N, C-alpha and C. Protein backbone atom coordinates (compact mmCIF):
# COMPACT_ATOMS: atom_id res chain seq x y z
N UNK A 1 8.03 1.05 -12.75
CA UNK A 1 8.08 1.86 -11.53
C UNK A 1 6.88 2.79 -11.49
N UNK A 2 6.23 2.85 -10.37
CA UNK A 2 5.08 3.73 -10.21
C UNK A 2 5.55 5.16 -9.96
N UNK A 3 4.85 6.12 -10.53
CA UNK A 3 5.14 7.54 -10.37
C UNK A 3 4.32 8.11 -9.22
N UNK A 4 4.89 9.07 -8.51
CA UNK A 4 4.12 9.80 -7.50
C UNK A 4 3.31 10.87 -8.21
N UNK A 5 2.01 10.86 -7.98
CA UNK A 5 1.07 11.72 -8.70
C UNK A 5 0.35 12.63 -7.72
N UNK A 6 0.18 13.87 -8.14
CA UNK A 6 -0.66 14.83 -7.42
C UNK A 6 -1.96 14.96 -8.21
N UNK A 7 -3.09 14.69 -7.56
CA UNK A 7 -4.40 14.84 -8.20
C UNK A 7 -4.98 16.20 -7.82
N UNK A 8 -5.32 16.98 -8.82
CA UNK A 8 -5.92 18.30 -8.63
C UNK A 8 -7.38 18.22 -9.07
N UNK A 9 -8.29 18.75 -8.24
CA UNK A 9 -9.72 18.68 -8.57
C UNK A 9 -10.50 19.62 -7.67
N UNK A 10 -11.74 19.86 -8.05
CA UNK A 10 -12.65 20.68 -7.26
C UNK A 10 -13.31 19.76 -6.23
N UNK A 11 -12.89 19.90 -5.00
CA UNK A 11 -13.29 18.98 -3.93
C UNK A 11 -14.81 18.90 -3.77
N UNK A 12 -15.44 20.05 -3.54
CA UNK A 12 -16.86 20.05 -3.23
C UNK A 12 -17.72 19.43 -4.33
N UNK A 13 -17.37 19.73 -5.58
CA UNK A 13 -18.21 19.27 -6.67
C UNK A 13 -17.94 17.87 -7.16
N UNK A 14 -16.73 17.37 -6.90
CA UNK A 14 -16.33 16.14 -7.57
C UNK A 14 -15.82 15.01 -6.69
N UNK A 15 -15.81 15.18 -5.39
CA UNK A 15 -15.22 14.15 -4.53
C UNK A 15 -15.90 12.79 -4.72
N UNK A 16 -17.18 12.76 -5.07
CA UNK A 16 -17.88 11.50 -5.29
C UNK A 16 -17.42 10.76 -6.54
N UNK A 17 -16.77 11.43 -7.44
CA UNK A 17 -16.20 10.81 -8.65
C UNK A 17 -14.69 10.58 -8.48
N UNK A 18 -14.05 11.53 -7.85
CA UNK A 18 -12.60 11.53 -7.72
C UNK A 18 -12.10 10.31 -6.94
N UNK A 19 -12.80 9.94 -5.90
CA UNK A 19 -12.37 8.81 -5.09
C UNK A 19 -12.23 7.53 -5.91
N UNK A 20 -13.11 7.35 -6.85
CA UNK A 20 -13.06 6.16 -7.69
C UNK A 20 -11.79 6.15 -8.55
N UNK A 21 -11.40 7.31 -9.03
CA UNK A 21 -10.21 7.41 -9.88
C UNK A 21 -8.95 7.28 -9.04
N UNK A 22 -8.90 7.98 -7.93
CA UNK A 22 -7.73 7.91 -7.07
C UNK A 22 -7.50 6.49 -6.54
N UNK A 23 -8.57 5.73 -6.37
CA UNK A 23 -8.46 4.37 -5.86
C UNK A 23 -8.43 3.32 -6.96
N UNK A 24 -8.36 3.73 -8.21
CA UNK A 24 -8.39 2.76 -9.31
C UNK A 24 -7.19 1.82 -9.29
N UNK A 25 -6.13 2.20 -8.62
CA UNK A 25 -4.97 1.31 -8.52
C UNK A 25 -5.33 0.00 -7.83
N UNK A 26 -6.39 0.02 -7.02
CA UNK A 26 -6.79 -1.19 -6.29
C UNK A 26 -7.22 -2.32 -7.22
N UNK A 27 -7.53 -1.99 -8.47
CA UNK A 27 -7.93 -3.02 -9.43
C UNK A 27 -6.71 -3.71 -10.05
N UNK A 28 -5.53 -3.25 -9.69
CA UNK A 28 -4.27 -3.80 -10.23
C UNK A 28 -3.61 -4.67 -9.16
N UNK A 29 -2.68 -5.54 -9.57
CA UNK A 29 -1.99 -6.39 -8.59
C UNK A 29 -1.21 -5.60 -7.53
N UNK A 30 -0.63 -4.45 -7.94
CA UNK A 30 0.14 -3.64 -7.01
C UNK A 30 0.31 -2.24 -7.59
N UNK A 31 0.94 -1.35 -6.83
CA UNK A 31 1.12 0.03 -7.27
C UNK A 31 1.98 0.14 -8.52
N UNK A 32 3.01 -0.69 -8.62
CA UNK A 32 3.87 -0.61 -9.80
C UNK A 32 3.09 -0.94 -11.07
N UNK A 33 2.26 -1.95 -11.04
CA UNK A 33 1.49 -2.28 -12.25
C UNK A 33 0.42 -1.23 -12.51
N UNK A 34 -0.04 -0.52 -11.48
CA UNK A 34 -0.99 0.57 -11.68
C UNK A 34 -0.31 1.75 -12.36
N UNK A 35 0.97 1.97 -12.07
CA UNK A 35 1.74 3.03 -12.71
C UNK A 35 1.72 4.36 -12.00
N UNK A 36 1.04 4.44 -10.86
CA UNK A 36 1.01 5.71 -10.13
C UNK A 36 0.79 5.46 -8.65
N UNK A 37 1.17 6.47 -7.88
CA UNK A 37 1.00 6.48 -6.44
C UNK A 37 0.38 7.83 -6.08
N UNK A 38 -0.78 7.82 -5.47
CA UNK A 38 -1.45 9.06 -5.08
C UNK A 38 -0.69 9.69 -3.93
N UNK A 39 -0.19 10.90 -4.14
CA UNK A 39 0.68 11.54 -3.16
C UNK A 39 -0.05 12.35 -2.09
N UNK A 40 -1.37 12.38 -2.11
CA UNK A 40 -2.07 13.31 -1.24
C UNK A 40 -3.25 12.66 -0.54
N UNK A 41 -3.47 13.09 0.67
CA UNK A 41 -4.72 12.81 1.39
C UNK A 41 -5.45 14.13 1.51
N UNK A 42 -6.43 14.35 0.67
CA UNK A 42 -7.12 15.63 0.57
C UNK A 42 -7.94 16.00 1.79
N UNK A 43 -8.45 15.02 2.47
CA UNK A 43 -9.36 15.31 3.57
C UNK A 43 -8.72 16.14 4.67
N UNK A 44 -7.40 16.09 4.81
CA UNK A 44 -6.74 16.81 5.90
C UNK A 44 -6.67 18.32 5.70
N UNK A 45 -7.00 18.85 4.53
CA UNK A 45 -6.81 20.27 4.24
C UNK A 45 -8.07 21.10 4.45
N UNK A 46 -9.18 20.49 4.69
CA UNK A 46 -10.48 21.18 4.68
C UNK A 46 -10.55 22.44 5.55
N UNK A 47 -9.93 22.46 6.70
CA UNK A 47 -10.14 23.57 7.65
C UNK A 47 -8.92 24.47 7.82
N UNK A 48 -8.13 24.62 6.80
CA UNK A 48 -6.90 25.43 6.91
C UNK A 48 -7.12 26.84 6.35
N UNK A 49 -6.24 27.77 6.74
CA UNK A 49 -6.28 29.13 6.19
C UNK A 49 -5.68 29.12 4.79
N UNK A 50 -5.83 30.23 4.07
CA UNK A 50 -5.30 30.32 2.71
C UNK A 50 -3.80 30.05 2.67
N UNK A 51 -3.04 30.69 3.52
CA UNK A 51 -1.59 30.49 3.51
C UNK A 51 -1.23 29.06 3.92
N UNK A 52 -1.98 28.47 4.83
CA UNK A 52 -1.73 27.09 5.22
C UNK A 52 -2.05 26.14 4.05
N UNK A 53 -3.11 26.44 3.33
CA UNK A 53 -3.47 25.60 2.17
C UNK A 53 -2.40 25.71 1.10
N UNK A 54 -1.91 26.91 0.82
CA UNK A 54 -0.83 27.07 -0.17
C UNK A 54 0.40 26.27 0.22
N UNK A 55 0.80 26.37 1.48
CA UNK A 55 1.96 25.61 1.96
C UNK A 55 1.70 24.11 1.86
N UNK A 56 0.49 23.70 2.21
CA UNK A 56 0.12 22.29 2.15
C UNK A 56 0.21 21.77 0.72
N UNK A 57 -0.34 22.53 -0.23
CA UNK A 57 -0.30 22.13 -1.64
C UNK A 57 1.15 22.02 -2.11
N UNK A 58 1.95 23.04 -1.83
CA UNK A 58 3.36 23.02 -2.26
C UNK A 58 4.10 21.84 -1.64
N UNK A 59 3.81 21.55 -0.39
CA UNK A 59 4.43 20.42 0.28
C UNK A 59 4.02 19.10 -0.39
N UNK A 60 2.75 18.98 -0.73
CA UNK A 60 2.25 17.74 -1.36
C UNK A 60 2.74 17.61 -2.80
N UNK A 61 2.94 18.72 -3.50
CA UNK A 61 3.49 18.67 -4.85
C UNK A 61 4.96 18.25 -4.85
N UNK A 62 5.65 18.58 -3.77
CA UNK A 62 7.07 18.26 -3.66
C UNK A 62 7.26 16.74 -3.75
N UNK A 63 8.12 16.32 -4.65
CA UNK A 63 8.41 14.89 -4.79
C UNK A 63 7.50 14.17 -5.77
N UNK A 64 6.53 14.89 -6.36
CA UNK A 64 5.69 14.26 -7.38
C UNK A 64 6.29 14.53 -8.75
N UNK A 65 5.99 13.68 -9.69
CA UNK A 65 6.50 13.89 -11.04
C UNK A 65 5.40 14.27 -12.02
N UNK A 66 4.14 14.03 -11.65
CA UNK A 66 3.02 14.30 -12.55
C UNK A 66 1.85 14.87 -11.75
N UNK A 67 1.16 15.84 -12.36
CA UNK A 67 -0.09 16.37 -11.82
C UNK A 67 -1.20 15.96 -12.77
N UNK A 68 -2.22 15.32 -12.21
CA UNK A 68 -3.40 14.91 -12.97
C UNK A 68 -4.55 15.81 -12.54
N UNK A 69 -5.06 16.61 -13.47
CA UNK A 69 -6.18 17.50 -13.18
C UNK A 69 -7.45 16.76 -13.57
N UNK A 70 -8.27 16.48 -12.58
CA UNK A 70 -9.54 15.78 -12.80
C UNK A 70 -10.60 16.84 -13.07
N UNK A 71 -11.12 16.85 -14.29
CA UNK A 71 -11.96 17.95 -14.77
C UNK A 71 -13.44 17.58 -14.68
N UNK A 72 -14.11 18.21 -13.74
CA UNK A 72 -15.54 18.03 -13.58
C UNK A 72 -16.29 19.23 -14.15
N UNK A 73 -17.57 19.24 -13.91
CA UNK A 73 -18.45 20.28 -14.45
C UNK A 73 -18.04 21.68 -14.03
N UNK A 74 -17.54 21.84 -12.80
CA UNK A 74 -17.23 23.17 -12.27
C UNK A 74 -15.78 23.35 -11.86
N UNK A 75 -14.88 22.60 -12.47
CA UNK A 75 -13.45 22.69 -12.14
C UNK A 75 -12.83 23.98 -12.65
N UNK A 76 -13.21 24.38 -13.86
CA UNK A 76 -12.62 25.56 -14.49
C UNK A 76 -12.78 26.80 -13.59
N UNK A 77 -11.67 27.50 -13.39
CA UNK A 77 -11.72 28.75 -12.63
C UNK A 77 -11.68 28.61 -11.13
N UNK A 78 -11.55 27.39 -10.62
CA UNK A 78 -11.44 27.21 -9.17
C UNK A 78 -10.05 27.65 -8.74
N UNK A 79 -10.01 28.50 -7.72
CA UNK A 79 -8.74 29.09 -7.29
C UNK A 79 -7.66 28.05 -6.98
N UNK A 80 -8.01 27.01 -6.23
CA UNK A 80 -7.00 26.05 -5.83
C UNK A 80 -6.55 25.19 -7.01
N UNK A 81 -7.45 24.85 -7.89
CA UNK A 81 -7.05 24.10 -9.09
C UNK A 81 -6.11 24.97 -9.92
N UNK A 82 -6.45 26.23 -10.10
CA UNK A 82 -5.57 27.15 -10.85
C UNK A 82 -4.18 27.22 -10.20
N UNK A 83 -4.15 27.37 -8.89
CA UNK A 83 -2.89 27.43 -8.16
C UNK A 83 -2.07 26.15 -8.38
N UNK A 84 -2.73 25.01 -8.32
CA UNK A 84 -2.05 23.73 -8.49
C UNK A 84 -1.51 23.55 -9.91
N UNK A 85 -2.25 24.01 -10.91
CA UNK A 85 -1.78 23.94 -12.30
C UNK A 85 -0.54 24.81 -12.48
N UNK A 86 -0.60 26.03 -12.01
CA UNK A 86 0.53 26.95 -12.15
C UNK A 86 1.75 26.44 -11.41
N UNK A 87 1.57 25.99 -10.19
CA UNK A 87 2.71 25.49 -9.41
C UNK A 87 3.27 24.20 -10.01
N UNK A 88 2.43 23.38 -10.59
CA UNK A 88 2.89 22.16 -11.26
C UNK A 88 3.73 22.52 -12.48
N UNK A 89 3.29 23.52 -13.21
CA UNK A 89 4.06 23.99 -14.37
C UNK A 89 5.42 24.53 -13.91
N UNK A 90 5.40 25.38 -12.88
CA UNK A 90 6.65 25.95 -12.36
C UNK A 90 7.61 24.87 -11.89
N UNK A 91 7.07 23.80 -11.33
CA UNK A 91 7.89 22.71 -10.80
C UNK A 91 8.28 21.68 -11.83
N UNK A 92 7.92 21.91 -13.09
CA UNK A 92 8.25 21.01 -14.20
C UNK A 92 7.61 19.63 -14.04
N UNK A 93 6.46 19.58 -13.41
CA UNK A 93 5.72 18.33 -13.37
C UNK A 93 5.14 18.03 -14.74
N UNK A 94 5.05 16.76 -15.07
CA UNK A 94 4.23 16.38 -16.20
C UNK A 94 2.79 16.71 -15.83
N UNK A 95 2.00 17.13 -16.80
CA UNK A 95 0.61 17.52 -16.51
C UNK A 95 -0.30 16.87 -17.54
N UNK A 96 -1.45 16.41 -17.06
CA UNK A 96 -2.49 15.91 -17.96
C UNK A 96 -3.84 16.14 -17.30
N UNK A 97 -4.86 16.14 -18.10
CA UNK A 97 -6.22 16.32 -17.60
C UNK A 97 -7.07 15.11 -17.92
N UNK A 98 -8.06 14.87 -17.08
CA UNK A 98 -9.01 13.79 -17.32
C UNK A 98 -10.41 14.31 -17.02
N UNK A 99 -11.26 14.25 -18.05
CA UNK A 99 -12.67 14.59 -17.84
C UNK A 99 -13.33 13.48 -17.04
N UNK A 100 -14.06 13.87 -16.00
CA UNK A 100 -14.69 12.87 -15.12
C UNK A 100 -16.21 12.98 -15.10
N UNK A 101 -16.78 13.79 -16.00
CA UNK A 101 -18.23 14.02 -15.97
C UNK A 101 -19.04 12.76 -16.25
N UNK A 102 -18.47 11.79 -16.94
CA UNK A 102 -19.19 10.55 -17.24
C UNK A 102 -19.07 9.49 -16.15
N UNK A 103 -18.29 9.79 -15.12
CA UNK A 103 -18.16 8.88 -13.99
C UNK A 103 -19.36 9.12 -13.08
N UNK A 104 -20.03 8.05 -12.68
CA UNK A 104 -21.17 8.20 -11.77
C UNK A 104 -20.67 8.54 -10.37
N UNK A 105 -21.25 9.58 -9.80
CA UNK A 105 -20.96 9.97 -8.43
C UNK A 105 -21.45 8.83 -7.52
N UNK A 106 -20.57 8.29 -6.69
CA UNK A 106 -20.97 7.15 -5.87
C UNK A 106 -22.05 7.52 -4.85
N UNK A 107 -22.18 8.81 -4.54
CA UNK A 107 -23.19 9.23 -3.57
C UNK A 107 -24.57 9.35 -4.19
N UNK A 108 -24.63 9.79 -5.46
CA UNK A 108 -25.92 10.05 -6.11
C UNK A 108 -26.25 9.09 -7.24
N UNK A 109 -25.21 8.43 -7.78
CA UNK A 109 -25.40 7.55 -8.92
C UNK A 109 -25.57 8.30 -10.23
N UNK A 110 -25.31 9.60 -10.22
CA UNK A 110 -25.51 10.43 -11.42
C UNK A 110 -24.18 10.86 -12.05
N UNK A 111 -24.25 11.12 -13.34
CA UNK A 111 -23.14 11.76 -14.04
C UNK A 111 -23.42 13.26 -14.04
N UNK A 112 -22.53 14.03 -14.67
CA UNK A 112 -22.75 15.48 -14.72
C UNK A 112 -22.43 15.99 -16.11
N UNK A 113 -22.52 17.30 -16.29
CA UNK A 113 -22.19 17.92 -17.57
C UNK A 113 -20.67 18.03 -17.71
N UNK A 114 -20.22 18.03 -18.95
CA UNK A 114 -18.79 18.18 -19.22
C UNK A 114 -18.36 19.60 -18.89
N UNK A 115 -17.27 19.73 -18.14
CA UNK A 115 -16.76 21.04 -17.77
C UNK A 115 -15.77 21.57 -18.79
N UNK A 116 -15.48 22.85 -18.66
CA UNK A 116 -14.52 23.50 -19.55
C UNK A 116 -13.10 23.09 -19.17
N UNK A 117 -12.24 22.94 -20.15
CA UNK A 117 -10.86 22.56 -19.94
C UNK A 117 -10.11 23.69 -19.23
N UNK A 118 -9.62 23.47 -17.99
CA UNK A 118 -8.90 24.54 -17.29
C UNK A 118 -7.57 24.89 -17.93
N UNK A 119 -7.04 24.04 -18.78
CA UNK A 119 -5.78 24.35 -19.47
C UNK A 119 -5.96 25.46 -20.50
N UNK A 120 -7.20 25.72 -20.89
CA UNK A 120 -7.44 26.78 -21.87
C UNK A 120 -7.31 28.17 -21.25
N UNK A 121 -7.17 28.24 -19.95
CA UNK A 121 -7.04 29.52 -19.24
C UNK A 121 -5.58 29.99 -19.16
N UNK A 122 -4.63 29.08 -19.20
CA UNK A 122 -3.23 29.38 -18.94
C UNK A 122 -2.42 29.26 -20.22
N UNK A 123 -1.39 30.10 -20.33
CA UNK A 123 -0.55 30.08 -21.52
C UNK A 123 0.86 30.51 -21.19
N UNK A 124 1.77 30.21 -22.13
CA UNK A 124 3.12 30.75 -22.10
C UNK A 124 3.29 31.55 -23.38
N UNK A 125 4.23 32.45 -23.39
CA UNK A 125 4.51 33.22 -24.61
C UNK A 125 5.81 32.73 -25.20
N UNK A 126 5.77 32.46 -26.50
CA UNK A 126 6.94 31.99 -27.22
C UNK A 126 6.93 32.60 -28.61
N UNK A 127 8.01 33.29 -28.93
CA UNK A 127 8.12 33.94 -30.24
C UNK A 127 6.95 34.89 -30.50
N UNK A 128 6.52 35.61 -29.46
CA UNK A 128 5.43 36.57 -29.59
C UNK A 128 4.05 35.95 -29.73
N UNK A 129 3.94 34.66 -29.49
CA UNK A 129 2.67 33.96 -29.64
C UNK A 129 2.27 33.32 -28.31
N UNK A 130 1.00 33.36 -28.00
CA UNK A 130 0.49 32.67 -26.83
C UNK A 130 0.28 31.20 -27.18
N UNK A 131 0.86 30.36 -26.36
CA UNK A 131 0.65 28.92 -26.50
C UNK A 131 -0.08 28.47 -25.24
N UNK A 132 -1.32 28.12 -25.42
CA UNK A 132 -2.16 27.74 -24.28
C UNK A 132 -1.80 26.34 -23.79
N UNK A 133 -1.94 26.17 -22.50
CA UNK A 133 -1.66 24.86 -21.91
C UNK A 133 -2.51 23.78 -22.58
N UNK A 134 -3.69 24.15 -23.07
CA UNK A 134 -4.55 23.17 -23.76
C UNK A 134 -3.92 22.67 -25.06
N UNK A 135 -2.93 23.40 -25.58
CA UNK A 135 -2.19 22.95 -26.76
C UNK A 135 -1.00 22.07 -26.36
N UNK A 136 -0.61 22.14 -25.12
CA UNK A 136 0.59 21.45 -24.64
C UNK A 136 0.24 20.14 -23.92
N UNK A 137 -0.78 20.21 -23.07
CA UNK A 137 -1.08 19.08 -22.18
C UNK A 137 -2.30 18.31 -22.66
N UNK A 138 -2.18 16.98 -22.72
CA UNK A 138 -3.30 16.16 -23.20
C UNK A 138 -4.43 16.09 -22.17
N UNK A 139 -5.63 15.88 -22.69
CA UNK A 139 -6.80 15.68 -21.85
C UNK A 139 -7.52 14.44 -22.36
N UNK A 140 -7.89 13.57 -21.44
CA UNK A 140 -8.56 12.32 -21.75
C UNK A 140 -9.93 12.30 -21.09
N UNK A 141 -10.74 11.35 -21.46
CA UNK A 141 -12.03 11.11 -20.82
C UNK A 141 -11.92 9.79 -20.07
N UNK A 142 -12.18 9.81 -18.77
CA UNK A 142 -12.01 8.62 -17.94
C UNK A 142 -12.81 7.43 -18.48
N UNK A 143 -14.03 7.68 -18.93
CA UNK A 143 -14.89 6.58 -19.39
C UNK A 143 -14.56 6.19 -20.82
N UNK A 144 -14.66 7.12 -21.76
CA UNK A 144 -14.49 6.74 -23.17
C UNK A 144 -13.06 6.40 -23.55
N UNK A 145 -12.07 6.90 -22.79
CA UNK A 145 -10.67 6.57 -23.07
C UNK A 145 -10.14 5.47 -22.15
N UNK A 146 -11.05 4.80 -21.43
CA UNK A 146 -10.71 3.66 -20.59
C UNK A 146 -9.62 3.98 -19.57
N UNK A 147 -9.89 4.98 -18.75
CA UNK A 147 -8.93 5.42 -17.76
C UNK A 147 -8.49 4.35 -16.79
N UNK A 148 -9.38 3.45 -16.45
CA UNK A 148 -9.02 2.40 -15.49
C UNK A 148 -7.84 1.56 -15.99
N UNK A 149 -7.76 1.40 -17.30
CA UNK A 149 -6.66 0.64 -17.90
C UNK A 149 -5.49 1.53 -18.32
N UNK A 150 -5.75 2.80 -18.61
CA UNK A 150 -4.73 3.65 -19.24
C UNK A 150 -4.10 4.71 -18.36
N UNK A 151 -4.60 4.92 -17.15
CA UNK A 151 -4.06 5.99 -16.32
C UNK A 151 -2.55 5.87 -16.11
N UNK A 152 -2.07 4.69 -15.81
CA UNK A 152 -0.63 4.51 -15.61
C UNK A 152 0.17 4.88 -16.84
N UNK A 153 -0.33 4.53 -18.01
CA UNK A 153 0.34 4.88 -19.28
C UNK A 153 0.33 6.39 -19.48
N UNK A 154 -0.81 7.04 -19.22
CA UNK A 154 -0.90 8.49 -19.38
C UNK A 154 0.07 9.21 -18.45
N UNK A 155 0.15 8.72 -17.21
CA UNK A 155 1.07 9.31 -16.23
C UNK A 155 2.51 9.17 -16.70
N UNK A 156 2.86 8.00 -17.17
CA UNK A 156 4.23 7.76 -17.65
C UNK A 156 4.56 8.66 -18.84
N UNK A 157 3.65 8.80 -19.77
CA UNK A 157 3.86 9.67 -20.93
C UNK A 157 4.06 11.12 -20.51
N UNK A 158 3.25 11.59 -19.55
CA UNK A 158 3.37 12.97 -19.08
C UNK A 158 4.71 13.20 -18.39
N UNK A 159 5.16 12.22 -17.60
CA UNK A 159 6.44 12.35 -16.91
C UNK A 159 7.59 12.40 -17.92
N UNK A 160 7.57 11.52 -18.90
CA UNK A 160 8.64 11.47 -19.89
C UNK A 160 8.68 12.74 -20.73
N UNK A 161 7.52 13.33 -20.98
CA UNK A 161 7.45 14.56 -21.77
C UNK A 161 8.25 15.70 -21.12
N UNK A 162 8.36 15.69 -19.81
CA UNK A 162 9.12 16.72 -19.11
C UNK A 162 10.52 16.25 -18.74
N UNK A 163 10.90 15.07 -19.21
CA UNK A 163 12.24 14.56 -18.95
C UNK A 163 12.40 13.90 -17.60
N UNK A 164 11.33 13.49 -17.00
CA UNK A 164 11.43 12.82 -15.68
C UNK A 164 11.43 11.32 -15.82
């Protein structure tokens, strides 16, 4: 069964890489064998107000079981990515990250520098200790970890980790 997935990413900096990952299911016979279903059409949010964007994100997160954070060179610290990570955590979504810096931007044909893991910014407190999301949620590299073949497996593992 394919999982409904919310993809979180920095639109301006990474859309030329992100499209390839979001559409990677097309290399499979069908959505079930791909293991995921992209729950969002990002292009529709470009011209909304802050409160409209928050409502839009929450609406798109609703009904998803996993959030995949696509980590580019400048993803760390982006307000909307941060919001999506926090809301995904609150909603008990499975969460995972994928570095996309080695993916060639279809517009320029170039790769980029590796960005900082946004999970290192967020933490929970347990027994008086900070446990950072980077200790909880796995991060893969789309190219070196063969994301085209493994994304469905990663999504399934993240969903099961939260009991979904």
